[in-house]
């Protein structure tokens, strides 16, 4: 069986959070979750347990698409260094920069 994606985990956590918020007991929520997502009750209980610690639903990450483009080596080095200094990825750095640019340029950001 393959591992769940981050988006799947977020959707399951949000479903668990919603069930608990609507007043279902832990046992009822686990049964509902296991049926809805075709998972074992043990796994459903893990999601319920994690959802109990949430104050609000988690954000569901948008899937990423691979894109290839060319940049000057000095810019690539600068992006790598900045990403390392901030403890993030190059993809995250580029995504944030493009969102900021598109927002400033009147795009949909």
N, C-alpha and C. Protein backbone atom coordinates (compact mmCIF):
# COMPACT_ATOMS: atom_id res chain seq x y z
N UNK A 1 0.85 -1.18 0.00
CA UNK A 1 0.00 0.00 0.00
C UNK A 1 0.89 1.24 0.00
N UNK A 2 0.55 2.23 -0.81
CA UNK A 2 1.37 3.43 -0.91
C UNK A 2 1.05 4.42 0.21
N UNK A 3 2.01 5.28 0.46
CA UNK A 3 1.84 6.30 1.49
C UNK A 3 0.89 7.38 1.00
N UNK A 4 0.23 8.02 1.94
CA UNK A 4 -0.68 9.12 1.61
C UNK A 4 0.12 10.36 1.27
N UNK A 5 -0.42 11.16 0.36
CA UNK A 5 0.21 12.44 0.05
C UNK A 5 -0.13 13.44 1.15
N UNK A 6 0.58 14.55 1.16
CA UNK A 6 0.29 15.60 2.15
C UNK A 6 -1.14 16.12 1.99
N UNK A 7 -1.59 16.23 0.74
CA UNK A 7 -2.96 16.71 0.50
C UNK A 7 -3.98 15.71 1.03
N UNK A 8 -3.72 14.41 0.86
CA UNK A 8 -4.63 13.39 1.39
C UNK A 8 -4.66 13.42 2.91
N UNK A 9 -3.49 13.57 3.52
CA UNK A 9 -3.43 13.65 4.98
C UNK A 9 -4.21 14.85 5.49
N UNK A 10 -4.04 15.99 4.82
CA UNK A 10 -4.76 17.19 5.23
C UNK A 10 -6.27 17.01 5.09
N UNK A 11 -6.69 16.40 4.00
CA UNK A 11 -8.13 16.17 3.79
C UNK A 11 -8.69 15.24 4.87
N UNK A 12 -7.94 14.22 5.23
CA UNK A 12 -8.40 13.28 6.25
C UNK A 12 -8.42 13.93 7.63
N UNK A 13 -7.41 14.73 7.92
CA UNK A 13 -7.40 15.45 9.20
C UNK A 13 -8.58 16.41 9.28
N UNK A 14 -8.84 17.11 8.19
CA UNK A 14 -9.96 18.05 8.17
C UNK A 14 -11.29 17.33 8.32
N UNK A 15 -11.41 16.16 7.71
CA UNK A 15 -12.64 15.37 7.85
C UNK A 15 -12.80 14.93 9.30
N UNK A 16 -11.73 14.48 9.91
CA UNK A 16 -11.77 14.06 11.31
C UNK A 16 -12.12 15.24 12.21
N UNK A 17 -11.51 16.37 11.95
CA UNK A 17 -11.79 17.58 12.73
C UNK A 17 -13.27 17.97 12.60
N UNK A 18 -13.79 17.89 11.38
CA UNK A 18 -15.20 18.22 11.15
C UNK A 18 -16.15 17.29 11.89
N UNK A 19 -15.84 16.01 11.89
CA UNK A 19 -16.69 15.04 12.60
C UNK A 19 -16.71 15.34 14.10
N UNK A 20 -15.54 15.62 14.65
CA UNK A 20 -15.46 15.93 16.08
C UNK A 20 -16.15 17.25 16.40
N UNK A 21 -15.99 18.23 15.52
CA UNK A 21 -16.62 19.54 15.73
C UNK A 21 -18.13 19.43 15.72
N UNK A 22 -18.65 18.51 14.91
CA UNK A 22 -20.11 18.31 14.84
C UNK A 22 -20.63 17.46 15.99
N UNK A 23 -19.76 17.11 16.91
CA UNK A 23 -20.20 16.43 18.12
C UNK A 23 -20.18 14.92 18.10
N UNK A 24 -19.60 14.33 17.07
CA UNK A 24 -19.52 12.86 17.07
C UNK A 24 -18.52 12.41 18.12
N UNK A 25 -18.80 11.27 18.71
CA UNK A 25 -17.85 10.69 19.66
C UNK A 25 -16.63 10.21 18.90
N UNK A 26 -15.57 9.95 19.62
CA UNK A 26 -14.34 9.47 19.00
C UNK A 26 -14.61 8.16 18.25
N UNK A 27 -15.36 7.26 18.86
CA UNK A 27 -15.65 5.97 18.22
C UNK A 27 -16.48 6.15 16.95
N UNK A 28 -17.50 7.02 17.02
CA UNK A 28 -18.34 7.28 15.83
C UNK A 28 -17.51 7.93 14.72
N UNK A 29 -16.69 8.89 15.10
CA UNK A 29 -15.87 9.59 14.12
C UNK A 29 -14.88 8.63 13.46
N UNK A 30 -14.29 7.75 14.25
CA UNK A 30 -13.33 6.78 13.69
C UNK A 30 -14.02 5.84 12.71
N UNK A 31 -15.21 5.40 13.05
CA UNK A 31 -15.96 4.52 12.15
C UNK A 31 -16.31 5.25 10.86
N UNK A 32 -16.80 6.48 10.97
CA UNK A 32 -17.14 7.28 9.78
C UNK A 32 -15.92 7.51 8.91
N UNK A 33 -14.82 7.88 9.54
CA UNK A 33 -13.59 8.16 8.80
C UNK A 33 -13.07 6.91 8.10
N UNK A 34 -13.11 5.78 8.80
CA UNK A 34 -12.61 4.54 8.19
C UNK A 34 -13.45 4.14 6.98
N UNK A 35 -14.74 4.39 7.04
CA UNK A 35 -15.61 4.07 5.90
C UNK A 35 -15.43 5.07 4.77
N UNK A 36 -15.36 6.35 5.12
CA UNK A 36 -15.25 7.39 4.10
C UNK A 36 -13.96 7.28 3.29
N UNK A 37 -12.86 6.93 3.96
CA UNK A 37 -11.56 6.90 3.28
C UNK A 37 -11.01 5.49 3.10
N UNK A 38 -11.84 4.47 3.35
CA UNK A 38 -11.44 3.07 3.17
C UNK A 38 -10.10 2.78 3.86
N UNK A 39 -10.05 3.10 5.14
CA UNK A 39 -8.84 2.85 5.93
C UNK A 39 -9.21 2.02 7.15
N UNK A 40 -8.21 1.49 7.79
CA UNK A 40 -8.46 0.70 8.99
C UNK A 40 -8.94 1.61 10.12
N UNK A 41 -9.61 1.03 11.09
CA UNK A 41 -10.06 1.83 12.23
C UNK A 41 -8.86 2.34 13.02
N UNK A 42 -7.82 1.55 13.08
CA UNK A 42 -6.62 1.97 13.79
C UNK A 42 -6.06 3.26 13.17
N UNK A 43 -6.00 3.27 11.83
CA UNK A 43 -5.51 4.47 11.14
C UNK A 43 -6.47 5.64 11.35
N UNK A 44 -7.76 5.36 11.32
CA UNK A 44 -8.76 6.41 11.56
C UNK A 44 -8.59 7.00 12.95
N UNK A 45 -8.35 6.15 13.94
CA UNK A 45 -8.13 6.65 15.30
C UNK A 45 -6.90 7.55 15.37
N UNK A 46 -5.87 7.24 14.58
CA UNK A 46 -4.68 8.10 14.56
C UNK A 46 -5.02 9.49 14.04
N UNK A 47 -5.82 9.53 12.97
CA UNK A 47 -6.24 10.83 12.44
C UNK A 47 -7.12 11.56 13.45
N UNK A 48 -8.02 10.85 14.11
CA UNK A 48 -8.89 11.46 15.11
C UNK A 48 -8.05 12.03 16.25
N UNK A 49 -7.07 11.26 16.69
CA UNK A 49 -6.20 11.70 17.78
C UNK A 49 -5.47 12.99 17.41
N UNK A 50 -4.97 13.04 16.18
CA UNK A 50 -4.28 14.25 15.73
C UNK A 50 -5.25 15.41 15.56
N UNK A 51 -6.45 15.12 15.07
CA UNK A 51 -7.45 16.17 14.86
C UNK A 51 -7.91 16.78 16.18
N UNK A 52 -7.88 16.00 17.24
CA UNK A 52 -8.29 16.52 18.55
C UNK A 52 -7.38 17.64 19.03
N UNK A 53 -6.16 17.68 18.52
CA UNK A 53 -5.21 18.71 18.93
C UNK A 53 -5.31 19.97 18.08
N UNK A 54 -6.15 19.95 17.04
CA UNK A 54 -6.26 21.09 16.13
C UNK A 54 -7.29 22.10 16.63
N UNK A 55 -6.96 23.37 16.50
CA UNK A 55 -7.93 24.42 16.81
C UNK A 55 -8.82 24.72 15.62
N UNK A 56 -8.30 24.47 14.42
CA UNK A 56 -9.03 24.74 13.18
C UNK A 56 -8.53 23.79 12.10
N UNK A 57 -9.27 23.66 11.01
CA UNK A 57 -8.82 22.77 9.93
C UNK A 57 -7.45 23.19 9.38
N UNK A 58 -6.73 22.23 8.84
CA UNK A 58 -5.42 22.53 8.26
C UNK A 58 -5.58 22.91 6.79
N UNK A 59 -4.63 23.65 6.28
CA UNK A 59 -4.65 24.05 4.86
C UNK A 59 -4.31 22.84 4.00
N UNK A 60 -5.03 22.68 2.91
CA UNK A 60 -4.75 21.60 1.97
C UNK A 60 -3.83 22.16 0.90
N UNK A 61 -2.65 21.55 0.81
CA UNK A 61 -1.65 22.03 -0.15
C UNK A 61 -2.07 21.72 -1.58
N UNK A 62 -1.84 22.68 -2.44
CA UNK A 62 -2.11 22.48 -3.86
C UNK A 62 -1.00 21.60 -4.44
N UNK A 63 -1.35 20.62 -5.26
CA UNK A 63 -0.30 19.78 -5.86
C UNK A 63 0.65 20.62 -6.70
N UNK A 64 1.91 20.22 -6.72
CA UNK A 64 2.92 20.95 -7.47
C UNK A 64 3.15 20.29 -8.82
N UNK A 65 3.53 21.09 -9.79
CA UNK A 65 3.88 20.59 -11.12
C UNK A 65 5.34 20.93 -11.38
N UNK A 66 6.05 20.02 -12.00
CA UNK A 66 7.45 20.26 -12.32
C UNK A 66 7.55 21.22 -13.50
N UNK A 67 8.46 22.19 -13.39
CA UNK A 67 8.68 23.17 -14.44
C UNK A 67 10.18 23.29 -14.65
N UNK A 68 10.60 23.33 -15.88
CA UNK A 68 12.02 23.48 -16.18
C UNK A 68 12.24 24.83 -16.85
N UNK A 69 13.19 25.59 -16.33
CA UNK A 69 13.56 26.86 -16.95
C UNK A 69 15.02 27.15 -16.63
N UNK A 70 15.60 28.07 -17.37
CA UNK A 70 17.01 28.39 -17.20
C UNK A 70 17.17 29.72 -16.49
N UNK A 71 18.13 29.75 -15.56
CA UNK A 71 18.46 30.96 -14.82
C UNK A 71 19.98 31.12 -14.83
N UNK A 72 20.46 32.33 -14.68
CA UNK A 72 21.90 32.52 -14.58
C UNK A 72 22.44 31.79 -13.34
N UNK A 73 23.62 31.18 -13.45
CA UNK A 73 24.18 30.43 -12.32
C UNK A 73 24.29 31.26 -11.04
N UNK A 74 24.58 32.54 -11.16
CA UNK A 74 24.70 33.37 -9.95
C UNK A 74 23.36 33.49 -9.23
N UNK A 75 22.27 33.54 -9.99
CA UNK A 75 20.93 33.61 -9.39
C UNK A 75 20.58 32.28 -8.73
N UNK A 76 20.92 31.18 -9.38
CA UNK A 76 20.67 29.86 -8.80
C UNK A 76 21.44 29.72 -7.48
N UNK A 77 22.69 30.15 -7.47
CA UNK A 77 23.50 30.09 -6.24
C UNK A 77 22.87 30.93 -5.14
N UNK A 78 22.38 32.11 -5.50
CA UNK A 78 21.76 32.99 -4.51
C UNK A 78 20.47 32.37 -3.95
N UNK A 79 19.68 31.75 -4.81
CA UNK A 79 18.44 31.10 -4.36
C UNK A 79 18.76 29.93 -3.44
N UNK A 80 19.74 29.12 -3.82
CA UNK A 80 20.14 27.98 -2.98
C UNK A 80 20.61 28.45 -1.61
N UNK A 81 21.43 29.48 -1.60
CA UNK A 81 21.96 29.99 -0.33
C UNK A 81 20.85 30.54 0.55
N UNK A 82 19.94 31.29 -0.05
CA UNK A 82 18.83 31.87 0.71
C UNK A 82 17.91 30.78 1.26
N UNK A 83 17.62 29.78 0.42
CA UNK A 83 16.77 28.67 0.86
C UNK A 83 17.42 27.93 2.03
N UNK A 84 18.71 27.68 1.93
CA UNK A 84 19.43 26.99 3.01
C UNK A 84 19.41 27.82 4.28
N UNK A 85 19.62 29.13 4.15
CA UNK A 85 19.64 30.01 5.31
C UNK A 85 18.28 30.06 6.00
N UNK A 86 17.20 29.96 5.22
CA UNK A 86 15.85 30.02 5.77
C UNK A 86 15.31 28.64 6.13
N UNK A 87 16.09 27.59 5.83
CA UNK A 87 15.64 26.24 6.14
C UNK A 87 14.46 25.80 5.31
N UNK A 88 14.44 26.21 4.05
CA UNK A 88 13.33 25.85 3.17
C UNK A 88 13.89 25.29 1.87
N UNK A 89 13.04 25.07 0.91
CA UNK A 89 13.46 24.49 -0.37
C UNK A 89 13.54 25.57 -1.44
N UNK A 90 14.25 25.24 -2.51
CA UNK A 90 14.32 26.14 -3.65
C UNK A 90 12.92 26.34 -4.23
N UNK A 91 12.15 25.27 -4.31
CA UNK A 91 10.78 25.37 -4.83
C UNK A 91 9.95 26.36 -4.03
N UNK A 92 10.09 26.30 -2.71
CA UNK A 92 9.34 27.22 -1.86
C UNK A 92 9.78 28.66 -2.10
N UNK A 93 11.08 28.86 -2.21
CA UNK A 93 11.59 30.22 -2.45
C UNK A 93 11.05 30.78 -3.77
N UNK A 94 11.12 29.98 -4.83
CA UNK A 94 10.66 30.43 -6.14
C UNK A 94 9.15 30.66 -6.12
N UNK A 95 8.41 29.77 -5.48
CA UNK A 95 6.95 29.93 -5.39
C UNK A 95 6.58 31.23 -4.69
N UNK A 96 7.24 31.50 -3.57
CA UNK A 96 6.94 32.74 -2.84
C UNK A 96 7.29 33.97 -3.66
N UNK A 97 8.43 33.92 -4.35
CA UNK A 97 8.85 35.07 -5.16
C UNK A 97 7.86 35.31 -6.31
N UNK A 98 7.43 34.23 -6.95
CA UNK A 98 6.49 34.38 -8.07
C UNK A 98 5.12 34.85 -7.58
N UNK A 99 4.68 34.35 -6.43
CA UNK A 99 3.40 34.82 -5.89
C UNK A 99 3.47 36.31 -5.56
N UNK A 100 4.58 36.72 -4.97
CA UNK A 100 4.75 38.15 -4.65
C UNK A 100 4.77 38.98 -5.92
N UNK A 101 5.47 38.51 -6.93
CA UNK A 101 5.54 39.23 -8.20
C UNK A 101 4.16 39.32 -8.85
N UNK A 102 3.46 38.20 -8.92
CA UNK A 102 2.15 38.20 -9.55
C UNK A 102 1.15 39.05 -8.77
N UNK A 103 1.27 39.04 -7.47
CA UNK A 103 0.39 39.89 -6.65
C UNK A 103 0.68 41.35 -6.90
N UNK A 104 1.96 41.70 -6.98
CA UNK A 104 2.35 43.09 -7.24
C UNK A 104 2.00 43.51 -8.65
N UNK A 105 1.99 42.55 -9.58
CA UNK A 105 1.71 42.87 -10.98
C UNK A 105 0.22 42.80 -11.30
N UNK A 106 -0.60 42.59 -10.26
CA UNK A 106 -2.04 42.55 -10.47
C UNK A 106 -2.54 41.18 -10.90
N UNK A 107 -1.69 40.13 -10.74
CA UNK A 107 -2.12 38.78 -11.09
C UNK A 107 -3.00 38.19 -10.01
N UNK A 108 -3.35 36.94 -10.18
CA UNK A 108 -4.23 36.27 -9.21
C UNK A 108 -3.49 35.79 -7.99
N UNK A 109 -2.17 35.88 -7.97
CA UNK A 109 -1.34 35.54 -6.83
C UNK A 109 -1.58 34.21 -6.33
